[in-house]
Amino acid sequence: MLFPLKVGKHGFIIEFTDPNNNARRSATYLPEVAAHEGWTREEATDSLIHKAGYSGHITGSLRKILGQPP
């Protein structure tokens, strides 16, 4: 699940089960990280997915699991 908040104002937290191996994954960014990098919400989410240790291709279905539009 992604706790969706506004880039630059709130941090980002994701928690999800890796669809490839059922491992629990989670990662966090402080509010200033996405804003400093100039990321959109989708770019920040994709970066967090990789930061959480997910090495597969980020698909629309994975984004949907996290509450993002595919």
N, C-alpha and C. Protein backbone atom coordinates (compact mmCIF):
# COMPACT_ATOMS: atom_id res chain seq x y z
N MET A 1 0.85 -1.18 0.00
CA MET A 1 0.00 0.00 0.00
C MET A 1 0.89 1.23 0.00
N LEU A 2 0.50 2.19 -0.78
CA LEU A 2 1.20 3.48 -0.80
C LEU A 2 0.34 4.44 0.00
N PHE A 3 0.96 5.18 0.88
CA PHE A 3 0.24 6.21 1.60
C PHE A 3 0.47 7.49 0.82
N PRO A 4 -0.42 7.77 -0.16
CA PRO A 4 -0.17 8.85 -1.11
C PRO A 4 -0.30 10.24 -0.50
N LEU A 5 0.73 10.99 -0.68
CA LEU A 5 0.75 12.33 -0.15
C LEU A 5 1.32 13.26 -1.21
N LYS A 6 1.40 14.52 -0.92
CA LYS A 6 1.82 15.52 -1.90
C LYS A 6 3.35 15.67 -1.92
N VAL A 7 3.92 15.61 -3.14
CA VAL A 7 5.38 15.76 -3.30
C VAL A 7 5.81 17.10 -2.72
N GLY A 8 6.86 17.08 -1.90
CA GLY A 8 7.41 18.29 -1.32
C GLY A 8 6.77 18.69 0.00
N LYS A 9 5.59 18.16 0.28
CA LYS A 9 4.91 18.50 1.52
C LYS A 9 4.94 17.33 2.50
N HIS A 10 4.75 16.14 1.99
CA HIS A 10 4.71 14.94 2.82
C HIS A 10 5.76 13.95 2.34
N GLY A 11 6.12 13.04 3.22
CA GLY A 11 7.00 11.95 2.83
C GLY A 11 6.19 10.86 2.14
N PHE A 12 6.89 9.87 1.62
CA PHE A 12 6.24 8.74 0.97
C PHE A 12 6.63 7.47 1.70
N ILE A 13 5.65 6.62 1.93
CA ILE A 13 5.88 5.32 2.55
C ILE A 13 5.18 4.29 1.67
N ILE A 14 5.88 3.21 1.34
CA ILE A 14 5.21 2.12 0.64
C ILE A 14 5.42 0.83 1.41
N GLU A 15 4.44 -0.04 1.35
CA GLU A 15 4.51 -1.39 1.90
C GLU A 15 3.76 -2.27 0.93
N PHE A 16 4.39 -3.35 0.50
CA PHE A 16 3.72 -4.25 -0.43
C PHE A 16 4.36 -5.63 -0.39
N THR A 17 3.66 -6.60 -0.94
CA THR A 17 4.18 -7.95 -1.08
C THR A 17 4.70 -8.10 -2.50
N ASP A 18 5.94 -8.50 -2.62
CA ASP A 18 6.57 -8.69 -3.93
C ASP A 18 5.80 -9.78 -4.68
N PRO A 19 5.24 -9.46 -5.85
CA PRO A 19 4.45 -10.45 -6.58
C PRO A 19 5.28 -11.61 -7.13
N ASN A 20 6.61 -11.46 -7.16
CA ASN A 20 7.46 -12.53 -7.69
C ASN A 20 7.84 -13.58 -6.66
N ASN A 21 7.95 -13.19 -5.38
CA ASN A 21 8.40 -14.16 -4.38
C ASN A 21 7.68 -14.03 -3.03
N ASN A 22 6.64 -13.22 -2.97
CA ASN A 22 5.84 -13.01 -1.75
C ASN A 22 6.61 -12.40 -0.59
N ALA A 23 7.77 -11.82 -0.84
CA ALA A 23 8.52 -11.13 0.22
C ALA A 23 7.84 -9.81 0.54
N ARG A 24 7.85 -9.44 1.81
CA ARG A 24 7.31 -8.14 2.22
C ARG A 24 8.35 -7.08 1.90
N ARG A 25 7.91 -5.99 1.30
CA ARG A 25 8.80 -4.90 0.92
C ARG A 25 8.27 -3.60 1.52
N SER A 26 9.18 -2.71 1.89
CA SER A 26 8.78 -1.39 2.37
C SER A 26 9.93 -0.42 2.19
N ALA A 27 9.58 0.85 2.03
CA ALA A 27 10.59 1.91 1.89
C ALA A 27 9.93 3.25 2.22
N THR A 28 10.77 4.22 2.57
CA THR A 28 10.29 5.54 2.96
C THR A 28 11.20 6.62 2.38
N TYR A 29 10.59 7.73 1.98
CA TYR A 29 11.33 8.94 1.63
C TYR A 29 10.80 10.08 2.48
N LEU A 30 11.69 10.91 2.98
CA LEU A 30 11.30 12.13 3.67
C LEU A 30 10.73 13.11 2.65
N PRO A 31 9.96 14.11 3.09
CA PRO A 31 9.29 15.03 2.16
C PRO A 31 10.23 15.70 1.16
N GLU A 32 11.41 16.08 1.60
CA GLU A 32 12.29 16.85 0.72
C GLU A 32 12.95 16.03 -0.38
N VAL A 33 12.97 14.70 -0.26
CA VAL A 33 13.67 13.88 -1.25
C VAL A 33 13.05 14.01 -2.64
N ALA A 34 11.77 13.74 -2.77
CA ALA A 34 11.11 13.80 -4.09
C ALA A 34 11.17 15.22 -4.65
N ALA A 35 10.97 16.21 -3.80
CA ALA A 35 11.01 17.60 -4.27
C ALA A 35 12.41 17.96 -4.75
N HIS A 36 13.44 17.56 -3.98
CA HIS A 36 14.82 17.86 -4.35
C HIS A 36 15.19 17.21 -5.69
N GLU A 37 14.72 15.99 -5.90
CA GLU A 37 15.02 15.27 -7.14
C GLU A 37 14.16 15.76 -8.31
N GLY A 38 13.10 16.51 -8.00
CA GLY A 38 12.21 16.98 -9.05
C GLY A 38 11.30 15.90 -9.60
N TRP A 39 11.02 14.87 -8.78
CA TRP A 39 10.22 13.74 -9.21
C TRP A 39 8.73 14.05 -9.16
N THR A 40 8.00 13.43 -10.07
CA THR A 40 6.54 13.40 -9.97
C THR A 40 6.19 12.34 -8.93
N ARG A 41 4.94 12.27 -8.59
CA ARG A 41 4.50 11.25 -7.64
C ARG A 41 4.80 9.85 -8.19
N GLU A 42 4.56 9.64 -9.49
CA GLU A 42 4.82 8.34 -10.09
C GLU A 42 6.31 8.01 -10.07
N GLU A 43 7.16 8.97 -10.37
CA GLU A 43 8.61 8.74 -10.34
C GLU A 43 9.09 8.43 -8.93
N ALA A 44 8.54 9.12 -7.94
CA ALA A 44 8.91 8.86 -6.54
C ALA A 44 8.47 7.46 -6.14
N THR A 45 7.27 7.07 -6.57
CA THR A 45 6.76 5.74 -6.26
C THR A 45 7.65 4.67 -6.88
N ASP A 46 7.99 4.84 -8.15
CA ASP A 46 8.85 3.86 -8.82
C ASP A 46 10.21 3.76 -8.13
N SER A 47 10.77 4.88 -7.73
CA SER A 47 12.04 4.88 -7.03
C SER A 47 11.93 4.15 -5.69
N LEU A 48 10.84 4.38 -4.98
CA LEU A 48 10.62 3.69 -3.70
C LEU A 48 10.48 2.19 -3.89
N ILE A 49 9.81 1.79 -4.96
CA ILE A 49 9.65 0.35 -5.23
C ILE A 49 11.02 -0.29 -5.35
N HIS A 50 11.92 0.35 -6.09
CA HIS A 50 13.28 -0.19 -6.23
C HIS A 50 14.05 -0.09 -4.91
N LYS A 51 13.88 1.01 -4.19
CA LYS A 51 14.55 1.17 -2.89
C LYS A 51 14.13 0.07 -1.93
N ALA A 52 12.88 -0.39 -2.05
CA ALA A 52 12.37 -1.44 -1.18
C ALA A 52 12.97 -2.81 -1.51
N GLY A 53 13.72 -2.88 -2.61
CA GLY A 53 14.38 -4.14 -2.95
C GLY A 53 13.72 -4.89 -4.09
N TYR A 54 12.71 -4.31 -4.70
CA TYR A 54 12.05 -4.97 -5.83
C TYR A 54 12.92 -4.80 -7.06
N SER A 55 13.23 -5.92 -7.73
CA SER A 55 14.12 -5.84 -8.89
C SER A 55 13.42 -6.15 -10.20
N GLY A 56 12.14 -6.44 -10.13
CA GLY A 56 11.40 -6.75 -11.35
C GLY A 56 10.98 -5.50 -12.11
N HIS A 57 10.28 -5.73 -13.21
CA HIS A 57 9.74 -4.63 -14.02
C HIS A 57 8.53 -4.04 -13.30
N ILE A 58 8.47 -2.74 -13.20
CA ILE A 58 7.34 -2.07 -12.54
C ILE A 58 6.20 -1.98 -13.54
N THR A 59 5.13 -2.68 -13.24
CA THR A 59 3.99 -2.77 -14.14
C THR A 59 2.81 -1.96 -13.61
N GLY A 60 1.83 -1.79 -14.47
CA GLY A 60 0.60 -1.12 -14.06
C GLY A 60 -0.09 -1.87 -12.93
N SER A 61 -0.01 -3.22 -12.95
CA SER A 61 -0.66 -3.97 -11.86
C SER A 61 0.02 -3.75 -10.52
N LEU A 62 1.36 -3.61 -10.54
CA LEU A 62 2.06 -3.33 -9.29
C LEU A 62 1.70 -1.94 -8.79
N ARG A 63 1.65 -0.97 -9.68
CA ARG A 63 1.25 0.38 -9.27
C ARG A 63 -0.18 0.37 -8.72
N LYS A 64 -1.04 -0.43 -9.32
CA LYS A 64 -2.44 -0.51 -8.86
C LYS A 64 -2.50 -1.07 -7.44
N ILE A 65 -1.67 -2.08 -7.14
CA ILE A 65 -1.60 -2.65 -5.79
C ILE A 65 -1.24 -1.55 -4.79
N LEU A 66 -0.39 -0.62 -5.23
CA LEU A 66 0.07 0.46 -4.36
C LEU A 66 -0.87 1.67 -4.35
N GLY A 67 -1.96 1.58 -5.11
CA GLY A 67 -2.92 2.68 -5.12
C GLY A 67 -2.61 3.76 -6.13
N GLN A 68 -1.67 3.49 -7.05
CA GLN A 68 -1.33 4.44 -8.11
C GLN A 68 -2.09 4.07 -9.37
N PRO A 69 -2.42 5.03 -10.20
CA PRO A 69 -3.01 4.68 -11.49
C PRO A 69 -2.01 3.87 -12.31
N PRO A 70 -2.47 2.85 -13.05
CA PRO A 70 -1.56 2.00 -13.83
C PRO A 70 -0.96 2.71 -14.94
